[in-house]
PDB file of N, CA and C in Angstrom:
ATOM      1  N   MET A   1      12.888  19.112 -20.016  1.00  0.00           N
ATOM      2  CA  MET A   1      13.969  19.082 -20.414  1.00  0.00           C
ATOM      3  C   MET A   1      15.053  18.154 -19.521  1.00  0.00           C
ATOM      4  N   PRO A   2      15.678  17.454 -20.363  1.00  0.00           N
ATOM      5  CA  PRO A   2      16.724  16.634 -19.708  1.00  0.00           C
ATOM      6  C   PRO A   2      17.668  17.308 -18.841  1.00  0.00           C
ATOM      7  N   GLN A   3      17.901  16.687 -17.716  1.00  0.00           N
ATOM      8  CA  GLN A   3      18.860  17.278 -16.857  1.00  0.00           C
ATOM      9  C   GLN A   3      20.045  16.249 -16.712  1.00  0.00           C
ATOM     10  N   GLY A   4      21.304  16.854 -16.249  1.00  0.00           N
ATOM     11  CA  GLY A   4      22.365  15.896 -15.970  1.00  0.00           C
ATOM     12  C   GLY A   4      23.501  16.551 -16.943  1.00  0.00           C
ATOM     13  N   ARG A   5      24.626  15.878 -16.810  1.00  0.00           N
ATOM     14  CA  ARG A   5      25.951  16.380 -17.295  1.00  0.00           C
ATOM     15  C   ARG A   5      25.767  16.410 -18.950  1.00  0.00           C
ATOM     16  N   LEU A   6      25.301  15.273 -19.467  1.00  0.00           N
ATOM     17  CA  LEU A   6      25.052  15.326 -20.965  1.00  0.00           C
ATOM     18  C   LEU A   6      24.289  16.409 -21.432  1.00  0.00           C
ATOM     19  N   ALA A   7      23.268  16.723 -20.975  1.00  0.00           N
ATOM     20  CA  ALA A   7      22.353  17.789 -21.231  1.00  0.00           C
ATOM     21  C   ALA A   7      23.025  19.128 -21.091  1.00  0.00           C
ATOM     22  N   SER A   8      23.625  19.302 -19.840  1.00  0.00           N
ATOM     23  CA  SER A   8      24.538  20.618 -19.600  1.00  0.00           C
ATOM     24  C   SER A   8      25.454  20.714 -20.590  1.00  0.00           C
ATOM     25  N   ALA A   9      26.253  19.729 -20.939  1.00  0.00           N
ATOM     26  CA  ALA A   9      27.311  19.763 -21.876  1.00  0.00           C
ATOM     27  C   ALA A   9      26.866  20.148 -23.378  1.00  0.00           C
ATOM     28  N   SER A  10      25.692  19.541 -23.646  1.00  0.00           N
ATOM     29  CA  SER A  10      25.085  19.669 -25.028  1.00  0.00           C
ATOM     30  C   SER A  10      24.507  21.389 -25.155  1.00  0.00           C
ATOM     31  N   ALA A  11      24.090  21.830 -23.873  1.00  0.00           N
ATOM     32  CA  ALA A  11      23.414  23.166 -23.865  1.00  0.00           C
ATOM     33  C   ALA A  11      24.564  23.936 -24.166  1.00  0.00           C
ATOM     34  N   VAL A  12      25.765  23.860 -23.466  1.00  0.00           N
ATOM     35  CA  VAL A  12      27.093  24.679 -23.644  1.00  0.00           C
ATOM     36  C   VAL A  12      27.377  24.691 -24.990  1.00  0.00           C
ATOM     37  N   LYS A  13      27.370  23.530 -25.588  1.00  0.00           N
ATOM     38  CA  LYS A  13      28.015  23.383 -26.867  1.00  0.00           C
ATOM     39  C   LYS A  13      27.252  24.085 -27.859  1.00  0.00           C
ATOM     40  N   VAL A  14      25.912  23.911 -27.668  1.00  0.00           N
ATOM     41  CA  VAL A  14      24.776  24.900 -28.626  1.00  0.00           C
ATOM     42  C   VAL A  14      25.000  26.302 -28.512  1.00  0.00           C
ATOM     43  N   GLN A  15      25.244  26.617 -27.243  1.00  0.00           N
ATOM     44  CA  GLN A  15      25.414  28.114 -27.041  1.00  0.00           C
ATOM     45  C   GLN A  15      26.802  28.618 -27.545  1.00  0.00           C
ATOM     46  N   LEU A  16      27.851  27.899 -27.370  1.00  0.00           N
ATOM     47  CA  LEU A  16      29.142  28.293 -28.105  1.00  0.00           C
ATOM     48  C   LEU A  16      28.982  28.288 -29.703  1.00  0.00           C
ATOM     49  N   GLU A  17      28.381  27.258 -30.284  1.00  0.00           N
ATOM     50  CA  GLU A  17      28.210  27.231 -31.688  1.00  0.00           C
ATOM     51  C   GLU A  17      27.282  28.490 -32.166  1.00  0.00           C
ATOM     52  N   VAL A  18      26.262  28.872 -31.403  1.00  0.00           N
ATOM     53  CA  VAL A  18      25.483  30.012 -31.719  1.00  0.00           C
ATOM     54  C   VAL A  18      26.391  31.351 -31.703  1.00  0.00           C
ATOM     55  N   GLU A  19      27.153  31.335 -30.678  1.00  0.00           N
ATOM     56  CA  GLU A  19      28.080  32.621 -30.510  1.00  0.00           C
ATOM     57  C   GLU A  19      29.007  32.525 -31.662  1.00  0.00           C
ATOM     58  N   ARG A  20      29.725  31.382 -31.963  1.00  0.00           N
ATOM     59  CA  ARG A  20      30.628  31.314 -33.131  1.00  0.00           C
ATOM     60  C   ARG A  20      29.840  31.726 -34.485  1.00  0.00           C
ATOM     61  N   LEU A  21      28.649  31.362 -34.696  1.00  0.00           N
ATOM     62  CA  LEU A  21      27.880  31.808 -35.779  1.00  0.00           C
ATOM     63  C   LEU A  21      27.649  33.294 -35.775  1.00  0.00           C
ATOM     64  N   ASP A  22      27.253  33.754 -34.703  1.00  0.00           N
ATOM     65  CA  ASP A  22      27.020  35.228 -34.633  1.00  0.00           C
ATOM     66  C   ASP A  22      28.207  35.971 -34.963  1.00  0.00           C
ATOM     67  N   ASP A  23      29.292  35.563 -34.473  1.00  0.00           N
ATOM     68  CA  ASP A  23      30.508  36.256 -34.693  1.00  0.00           C
ATOM     69  C   ASP A  23      30.992  36.097 -36.289  1.00  0.00           C
ATOM     70  N   LEU A  24      30.698  34.895 -36.811  1.00  0.00           N
ATOM     71  CA  LEU A  24      30.865  34.829 -38.262  1.00  0.00           C
ATOM     72  C   LEU A  24      29.904  35.815 -39.016  1.00  0.00           C
ATOM     73  N   ILE A  25      28.813  35.709 -38.668  1.00  0.00           N
ATOM     74  CA  ILE A  25      27.803  36.667 -39.344  1.00  0.00           C
ATOM     75  C   ILE A  25      28.271  38.165 -39.203  1.00  0.00           C
ATOM     76  N   ALA A  26      28.645  38.504 -38.107  1.00  0.00           N
ATOM     77  CA  ALA A  26      29.034  39.882 -37.838  1.00  0.00           C
ATOM     78  C   ALA A  26      30.167  40.200 -38.655  1.00  0.00           C
ATOM     79  N   THR A  27      31.075  39.247 -38.949  1.00  0.00           N
ATOM     80  CA  THR A  27      32.486  39.508 -39.640  1.00  0.00           C
ATOM     81  C   THR A  27      32.070  39.673 -41.044  1.00  0.00           C
ATOM     82  N   LEU A  28      31.006  38.693 -41.457  1.00  0.00           N
ATOM     83  CA  LEU A  28      30.534  38.859 -42.940  1.00  0.00           C
ATOM     84  C   LEU A  28      29.876  40.047 -43.265  1.00  0.00           C
ATOM     85  N   GLU A  29      29.032  40.462 -42.385  1.00  0.00           N
ATOM     86  CA  GLU A  29      28.283  41.767 -42.652  1.00  0.00           C
ATOM     87  C   GLU A  29      29.401  42.950 -42.613  1.00  0.00           C
ATOM     88  N   GLN A  30      30.260  42.889 -41.936  1.00  0.00           N
ATOM     89  CA  GLN A  30      31.185  44.022 -41.860  1.00  0.00           C
ATOM     90  C   GLN A  30      32.099  44.053 -43.062  1.00  0.00           C
ATOM     91  N   GLU A  31      32.391  42.691 -43.531  1.00  0.00           N
ATOM     92  CA  GLU A  31      33.011  42.574 -44.799  1.00  0.00           C
ATOM     93  C   GLU A  31      32.124  43.068 -45.982  1.00  0.00           C
ATOM     94  N   ILE A  32      30.945  42.887 -46.000  1.00  0.00           N
ATOM     95  CA  ILE A  32      30.098  43.418 -47.105  1.00  0.00           C
ATOM     96  C   ILE A  32      29.906  44.838 -47.069  1.00  0.00           C
ATOM     97  N   ARG A  33      30.011  45.539 -45.878  1.00  0.00           N
ATOM     98  CA  ARG A  33      29.782  47.000 -45.646  1.00  0.00           C
ATOM     99  C   ARG A  33      31.196  47.596 -46.134  1.00  0.00           C
ATOM    100  N   SER A  34      32.224  47.028 -45.983  1.00  0.00           N
ATOM    101  CA  SER A  34      33.523  47.843 -46.087  1.00  0.00           C
ATOM    102  C   SER A  34      34.292  47.269 -47.351  1.00  0.00           C
ATOM    103  N   SER A  35      34.044  46.194 -47.856  1.00  0.00           N
ATOM    104  CA  SER A  35      34.871  45.646 -49.002  1.00  0.00           C
ATOM    105  C   SER A  35      35.000  46.527 -50.225  1.00  0.00           C
ATOM    106  N   ASP A  36      36.195  46.811 -50.681  1.00  0.00           N
ATOM    107  CA  ASP A  36      36.153  47.715 -51.921  1.00  0.00           C
ATOM    108  C   ASP A  36      35.910  46.761 -53.078  1.00  0.00           C
ATOM    109  N   LEU A  37      35.951  45.460 -52.988  1.00  0.00           N
ATOM    110  CA  LEU A  37      35.643  44.509 -54.072  1.00  0.00           C
ATOM    111  C   LEU A  37      34.047  44.484 -54.314  1.00  0.00           C
ATOM    112  N   ILE A  38      33.365  44.990 -53.568  1.00  0.00           N
ATOM    113  CA  ILE A  38      31.740  44.797 -53.786  1.00  0.00           C
ATOM    114  C   ILE A  38      31.326  46.092 -54.167  1.00  0.00           C
ATOM    115  N   THR A  39      30.618  46.149 -55.160  1.00  0.00           N
ATOM    116  CA  THR A  39      30.034  47.453 -55.767  1.00  0.00           C
ATOM    117  C   THR A  39      29.019  47.713 -54.913  1.00  0.00           C
ATOM    118  N   GLU A  40      28.408  49.039 -55.119  1.00  0.00           N
ATOM    119  CA  GLU A  40      27.179  49.420 -54.373  1.00  0.00           C
ATOM    120  C   GLU A  40      26.050  48.506 -54.763  1.00  0.00           C
ATOM    121  N   ASP A  41      25.950  48.427 -56.035  1.00  0.00           N
ATOM    122  CA  ASP A  41      24.887  47.726 -56.571  1.00  0.00           C
ATOM    123  C   ASP A  41      24.773  46.248 -56.128  1.00  0.00           C
ATOM    124  N   ASP A  42      26.169  45.531 -56.142  1.00  0.00           N
ATOM    125  CA  ASP A  42      26.129  44.262 -55.453  1.00  0.00           C
ATOM    126  C   ASP A  42      25.808  44.252 -54.005  1.00  0.00           C
ATOM    127  N   ARG A  43      26.248  45.298 -53.299  1.00  0.00           N
ATOM    128  CA  ARG A  43      25.948  45.272 -51.807  1.00  0.00           C
ATOM    129  C   ARG A  43      24.346  45.488 -51.651  1.00  0.00           C
ATOM    130  N   GLN A  44      23.628  46.152 -52.376  1.00  0.00           N
ATOM    131  CA  GLN A  44      22.238  46.463 -52.326  1.00  0.00           C
ATOM    132  C   GLN A  44      21.510  44.979 -52.733  1.00  0.00           C
ATOM    133  N   MET A  45      22.096  44.302 -53.765  1.00  0.00           N
ATOM    134  CA  MET A  45      21.413  43.098 -54.057  1.00  0.00           C
ATOM    135  C   MET A  45      21.704  41.986 -52.843  1.00  0.00           C
ATOM    136  N   ILE A  46      22.790  41.973 -52.281  1.00  0.00           N
ATOM    137  CA  ILE A  46      23.105  41.020 -51.184  1.00  0.00           C
ATOM    138  C   ILE A  46      22.093  41.438 -49.999  1.00  0.00           C
ATOM    139  N   TRP A  47      22.079  42.679 -49.614  1.00  0.00           N
ATOM    140  CA  TRP A  47      21.061  43.073 -48.493  1.00  0.00           C
ATOM    141  C   TRP A  47      19.670  42.598 -48.830  1.00  0.00           C
ATOM    142  N   GLU A  48      19.106  42.881 -50.135  1.00  0.00           N
ATOM    143  CA  GLU A  48      17.848  42.545 -50.472  1.00  0.00           C
ATOM    144  C   GLU A  48      17.726  41.081 -50.389  1.00  0.00           C
ATOM    145  N   THR A  49      18.612  40.317 -50.911  1.00  0.00           N
ATOM    146  CA  THR A  49      18.559  38.781 -50.892  1.00  0.00           C
ATOM    147  C   THR A  49      18.533  38.270 -49.467  1.00  0.00           C
ATOM    148  N   LEU A  50      19.294  38.740 -48.609  1.00  0.00           N
ATOM    149  CA  LEU A  50      19.233  38.358 -47.282  1.00  0.00           C
ATOM    150  C   LEU A  50      18.001  38.774 -46.428  1.00  0.00           C
ATOM    151  N   ASP A  51      17.365  39.816 -46.802  1.00  0.00           N
ATOM    152  CA  ASP A  51      16.138  40.256 -46.213  1.00  0.00           C
ATOM    153  C   ASP A  51      15.123  39.444 -46.588  1.00  0.00           C
ATOM    154  N   SER A  52      15.115  38.975 -47.942  1.00  0.00           N
ATOM    155  CA  SER A  52      14.059  38.150 -48.445  1.00  0.00           C
ATOM    156  C   SER A  52      14.139  36.689 -47.879  1.00  0.00           C
ATOM    157  N   MET A  53      15.409  36.266 -47.583  1.00  0.00           N
ATOM    158  CA  MET A  53      15.602  34.734 -47.003  1.00  0.00           C
ATOM    159  C   MET A  53      14.911  34.963 -45.541  1.00  0.00           C
ATOM    160  N   GLU A  54      15.202  36.004 -44.770  1.00  0.00           N
ATOM    161  CA  GLU A  54      14.991  36.227 -43.530  1.00  0.00           C
ATOM    162  C   GLU A  54      13.208  36.102 -43.445  1.00  0.00           C
ATOM    163  N   ARG A  55      12.764  36.974 -44.349  1.00  0.00           N
ATOM    164  CA  ARG A  55      11.268  37.047 -44.453  1.00  0.00           C
ATOM    165  C   ARG A  55      10.589  35.677 -44.751  1.00  0.00           C
ATOM    166  N   ILE A  56      11.245  34.911 -45.598  1.00  0.00           N
ATOM    167  CA  ILE A  56      10.669  33.472 -45.932  1.00  0.00           C
ATOM    168  C   ILE A  56      10.869  32.735 -44.781  1.00  0.00           C
ATOM    169  N   ASP A  57      11.952  32.764 -43.957  1.00  0.00           N
ATOM    170  CA  ASP A  57      11.938  32.053 -42.711  1.00  0.00           C
ATOM    171  C   ASP A  57      10.952  32.490 -41.710  1.00  0.00           C
ATOM    172  N   ARG A  58      10.879  33.760 -41.461  1.00  0.00           N
ATOM    173  CA  ARG A  58       9.916  34.481 -40.472  1.00  0.00           C
ATOM    174  C   ARG A  58       8.508  34.198 -40.924  1.00  0.00           C
ATOM    175  N   GLU A  59       8.097  34.455 -42.245  1.00  0.00           N
ATOM    176  CA  GLU A  59       6.720  34.509 -42.556  1.00  0.00           C
ATOM    177  C   GLU A  59       6.128  33.223 -43.138  1.00  0.00           C
ATOM    178  N   LEU A  60       6.994  32.400 -43.653  1.00  0.00           N
ATOM    179  CA  LEU A  60       6.616  30.925 -44.216  1.00  0.00           C
ATOM    180  C   LEU A  60       6.962  29.899 -43.517  1.00  0.00           C
ATOM    181  N   LEU A  61       8.109  29.644 -43.092  1.00  0.00           N
ATOM    182  CA  LEU A  61       8.588  28.447 -42.408  1.00  0.00           C
ATOM    183  C   LEU A  61       8.386  28.461 -41.099  1.00  0.00           C
ATOM    184  N   GLU A  62       8.753  29.390 -40.104  1.00  0.00           N
ATOM    185  CA  GLU A  62       8.495  29.431 -38.795  1.00  0.00           C
ATOM    186  C   GLU A  62       6.874  29.124 -38.555  1.00  0.00           C
ATOM    187  N   PRO A  63       5.936  29.787 -39.150  1.00  0.00           N
ATOM    188  CA  PRO A  63       4.553  29.478 -38.838  1.00  0.00           C
ATOM    189  C   PRO A  63       4.142  27.927 -38.965  1.00  0.00           C
ATOM    190  N   MET A  64       4.876  27.296 -39.902  1.00  0.00           N
ATOM    191  CA  MET A  64       4.446  26.012 -40.233  1.00  0.00           C
ATOM    192  C   MET A  64       4.905  25.026 -39.281  1.00  0.00           C
ATOM    193  N   GLY A  65       5.785  25.332 -38.484  1.00  0.00           N
ATOM    194  CA  GLY A  65       6.362  24.594 -37.487  1.00  0.00           C
ATOM    195  C   GLY A  65       6.872  23.139 -37.977  1.00  0.00           C
ATOM    196  N   ALA A  66       6.472  22.140 -37.345  1.00  0.00           N
ATOM    197  CA  ALA A  66       6.941  20.882 -37.652  1.00  0.00           C
ATOM    198  C   ALA A  66       6.412  20.453 -39.071  1.00  0.00           C
ATOM    199  N   LYS A  67       5.222  20.968 -39.496  1.00  0.00           N
ATOM    200  CA  LYS A  67       4.723  20.842 -40.724  1.00  0.00           C
ATOM    201  C   LYS A  67       5.781  20.946 -41.945  1.00  0.00           C
ATOM    202  N   ARG A  68       6.576  21.930 -41.796  1.00  0.00           N
ATOM    203  CA  ARG A  68       7.487  22.450 -42.901  1.00  0.00           C
ATOM    204  C   ARG A  68       8.367  21.235 -43.342  1.00  0.00           C
ATOM    205  N   GLY A  69       8.242  20.250 -42.751  1.00  0.00           N
ATOM    206  CA  GLY A  69       9.070  18.973 -43.069  1.00  0.00           C
ATOM    207  C   GLY A  69      10.619  19.232 -43.276  1.00  0.00           C
ATOM    208  N   PRO A  70      11.243  18.539 -44.202  1.00  0.00           N
ATOM    209  CA  PRO A  70      12.653  18.453 -44.157  1.00  0.00           C
ATOM    210  C   PRO A  70      13.283  19.745 -44.661  1.00  0.00           C
ATOM    211  N   VAL A  71      12.603  20.948 -44.933  1.00  0.00           N
ATOM    212  CA  VAL A  71      13.314  22.135 -45.479  1.00  0.00           C
ATOM    213  C   VAL A  71      14.359  22.514 -44.699  1.00  0.00           C
ATOM    214  N   ARG A  72      14.289  22.669 -43.356  1.00  0.00           N
ATOM    215  CA  ARG A  72      15.406  23.161 -42.416  1.00  0.00           C
ATOM    216  C   ARG A  72      15.986  21.962 -41.842  1.00  0.00           C
ATOM    217  N   ALA A  73      15.622  20.769 -41.879  1.00  0.00           N
ATOM    218  CA  ALA A  73      16.215  19.673 -41.289  1.00  0.00           C
ATOM    219  C   ALA A  73      17.345  19.057 -42.240  1.00  0.00           C
ATOM    220  N   LEU A  74      17.399  19.484 -43.555  1.00  0.00           N
ATOM    221  CA  LEU A  74      18.522  19.058 -44.464  1.00  0.00           C
ATOM    222  C   LEU A  74      19.825  19.654 -44.144  1.00  0.00           C
ATOM    223  N   VAL A  75      20.860  18.896 -44.167  1.00  0.00           N
ATOM    224  CA  VAL A  75      22.282  19.412 -43.757  1.00  0.00           C
ATOM    225  C   VAL A  75      22.873  20.117 -44.933  1.00  0.00           C
ATOM    226  N   ASP A  76      23.385  21.321 -44.891  1.00  0.00           N
ATOM    227  CA  ASP A  76      24.044  21.773 -46.079  1.00  0.00           C
ATOM    228  C   ASP A  76      25.475  21.376 -45.956  1.00  0.00           C
ATOM    229  N   GLU A  77      25.703  20.639 -46.967  1.00  0.00           N
ATOM    230  CA  GLU A  77      27.040  20.097 -46.954  1.00  0.00           C
ATOM    231  C   GLU A  77      28.169  20.882 -47.189  1.00  0.00           C
ATOM    232  N   ARG A  78      27.824  22.299 -47.618  1.00  0.00           N
ATOM    233  CA  ARG A  78      28.935  23.113 -47.765  1.00  0.00           C
ATOM    234  C   ARG A  78      29.642  23.552 -46.344  1.00  0.00           C
ATOM    235  N   THR A  79      28.655  23.532 -45.384  1.00  0.00           N
ATOM    236  CA  THR A  79      29.127  24.067 -44.194  1.00  0.00           C
ATOM    237  C   THR A  79      29.263  23.146 -43.039  1.00  0.00           C
ATOM    238  N   PHE A  80      28.899  21.746 -43.465  1.00  0.00           N
ATOM    239  CA  PHE A  80      28.750  20.698 -42.267  1.00  0.00           C
ATOM    240  C   PHE A  80      30.141  20.150 -42.076  1.00  0.00           C
ATOM    241  N   HIS A  81      30.601  20.407 -40.825  1.00  0.00           N
ATOM    242  CA  HIS A  81      32.017  19.922 -40.472  1.00  0.00           C
ATOM    243  C   HIS A  81      32.045  18.324 -40.286  1.00  0.00           C
ATOM    244  N   PRO A  82      33.290  17.702 -40.794  1.00  0.00           N
ATOM    245  CA  PRO A  82      33.340  16.258 -40.769  1.00  0.00           C
ATOM    246  C   PRO A  82      33.320  15.834 -39.234  1.00  0.00           C
ATOM    247  N   LEU A  83      33.739  16.576 -38.367  1.00  0.00           N
ATOM    248  CA  LEU A  83      33.701  16.089 -36.852  1.00  0.00           C
ATOM    249  C   LEU A  83      32.239  16.182 -36.281  1.00  0.00           C
ATOM    250  N   ALA A  84      31.527  17.030 -36.918  1.00  0.00           N
ATOM    251  CA  ALA A  84      29.955  17.106 -36.635  1.00  0.00           C
ATOM    252  C   ALA A  84      29.425  15.918 -37.330  1.00  0.00           C
ATOM    253  N   ALA A  85      29.734  15.401 -38.314  1.00  0.00           N
ATOM    254  CA  ALA A  85      29.056  14.235 -39.058  1.00  0.00           C
ATOM    255  C   ALA A  85      29.407  12.973 -38.117  1.00  0.00           C
ATOM    256  N   ALA A  86      30.747  12.861 -37.620  1.00  0.00           N
ATOM    257  CA  ALA A  86      31.098  11.685 -36.935  1.00  0.00           C
ATOM    258  C   ALA A  86      30.378  11.760 -35.461  1.00  0.00           C
ATOM    259  N   GLU A  87      30.158  12.916 -34.881  1.00  0.00           N
ATOM    260  CA  GLU A  87      29.525  12.977 -33.715  1.00  0.00           C
ATOM    261  C   GLU A  87      28.014  12.674 -33.869  1.00  0.00           C
ATOM    262  N   LEU A  88      27.400  13.140 -34.968  1.00  0.00           N
ATOM    263  CA  LEU A  88      26.093  12.816 -35.355  1.00  0.00           C
ATOM    264  C   LEU A  88      25.888  11.291 -35.356  1.00  0.00           C
ATOM    265  N   SER A  89      26.867  10.565 -35.998  1.00  0.00           N
ATOM    266  CA  SER A  89      26.651   9.144 -36.106  1.00  0.00           C
ATOM    267  C   SER A  89      26.854   8.381 -35.024  1.00  0.00           C
ATOM    268  N   ILE A  90      27.639   8.795 -34.235  1.00  0.00           N
ATOM    269  CA  ILE A  90      27.974   8.420 -32.703  1.00  0.00           C
ATOM    270  C   ILE A  90      26.558   8.417 -31.877  1.00  0.00           C
ATOM    271  N   THR A  91      26.005   9.540 -31.915  1.00  0.00           N
ATOM    272  CA  THR A  91      24.692  10.011 -31.258  1.00  0.00           C
ATOM    273  C   THR A  91      23.670   9.089 -31.676  1.00  0.00           C
ATOM    274  N   SER A  92      23.450   9.092 -33.147  1.00  0.00           N
ATOM    275  CA  SER A  92      22.442   8.122 -33.714  1.00  0.00           C
ATOM    276  C   SER A  92      22.699   6.896 -33.364  1.00  0.00           C
ATOM    277  N   ALA A  93      23.814   6.251 -33.287  1.00  0.00           N
ATOM    278  CA  ALA A  93      23.987   4.791 -32.911  1.00  0.00           C
ATOM    279  C   ALA A  93      23.599   4.648 -31.470  1.00  0.00           C
ATOM    280  N   GLY A  94      24.137   5.710 -30.626  1.00  0.00           N
ATOM    281  CA  GLY A  94      23.699   5.451 -29.360  1.00  0.00           C
ATOM    282  C   GLY A  94      22.341   5.546 -28.988  1.00  0.00           C
ATOM    283  N   GLN A  95      21.464   6.239 -29.757  1.00  0.00           N
ATOM    284  CA  GLN A  95      19.901   6.343 -29.489  1.00  0.00           C
ATOM    285  C   GLN A  95      19.323   5.139 -29.848  1.00  0.00           C
ATOM    286  N   GLU A  96      19.896   4.382 -30.968  1.00  0.00           N
ATOM    287  CA  GLU A  96      19.232   3.239 -31.300  1.00  0.00           C
ATOM    288  C   GLU A  96      19.494   2.100 -30.476  1.00  0.00           C
ATOM    289  N   LEU A  97      20.484   2.144 -29.435  1.00  0.00           N
ATOM    290  CA  LEU A  97      20.787   1.082 -28.307  1.00  0.00           C
ATOM    291  C   LEU A  97      19.850   1.425 -27.147  1.00  0.00           C
ATOM    292  N   ILE A  98      19.295   2.579 -27.187  1.00  0.00           N
ATOM    293  CA  ILE A  98      18.348   2.824 -25.989  1.00  0.00           C
ATOM    294  C   ILE A  98      16.844   2.373 -26.196  1.00  0.00           C
ATOM    295  N   PRO A  99      16.499   1.718 -25.302  1.00  0.00           N
ATOM    296  CA  PRO A  99      14.928   1.208 -25.477  1.00  0.00           C
ATOM    297  C   PRO A  99      14.182   2.071 -25.443  1.00  0.00           C
ATOM    298  N   SER A 100      13.143   2.154 -26.254  1.00  0.00           N
ATOM    299  CA  SER A 100      11.867   3.068 -26.189  1.00  0.00           C
ATOM    300  C   SER A 100      10.928   2.618 -25.144  1.00  0.00           C
TER     301      SER A 100
END
């Protein structure tokens, strides 16, 4: 594992992003549970769909490891923040300059 300020900053950034996503997921789950706009049938369908997606990740994609290819490497454009795109391009450019 690389050490240093950049690695530490990256680890903190990842941890903060995970916490932000956990908070967002908890908020969405609470909204699904309590919203008057969602019928009980819709709510059941949502939970079943989420369970199916989790099972696909756990039982199919995780065991495949690196062999799963680009399935999880693809960026979901609906949620990809423009600042993350800029940071990714800067990081990519910096890596090209580093000799192998």
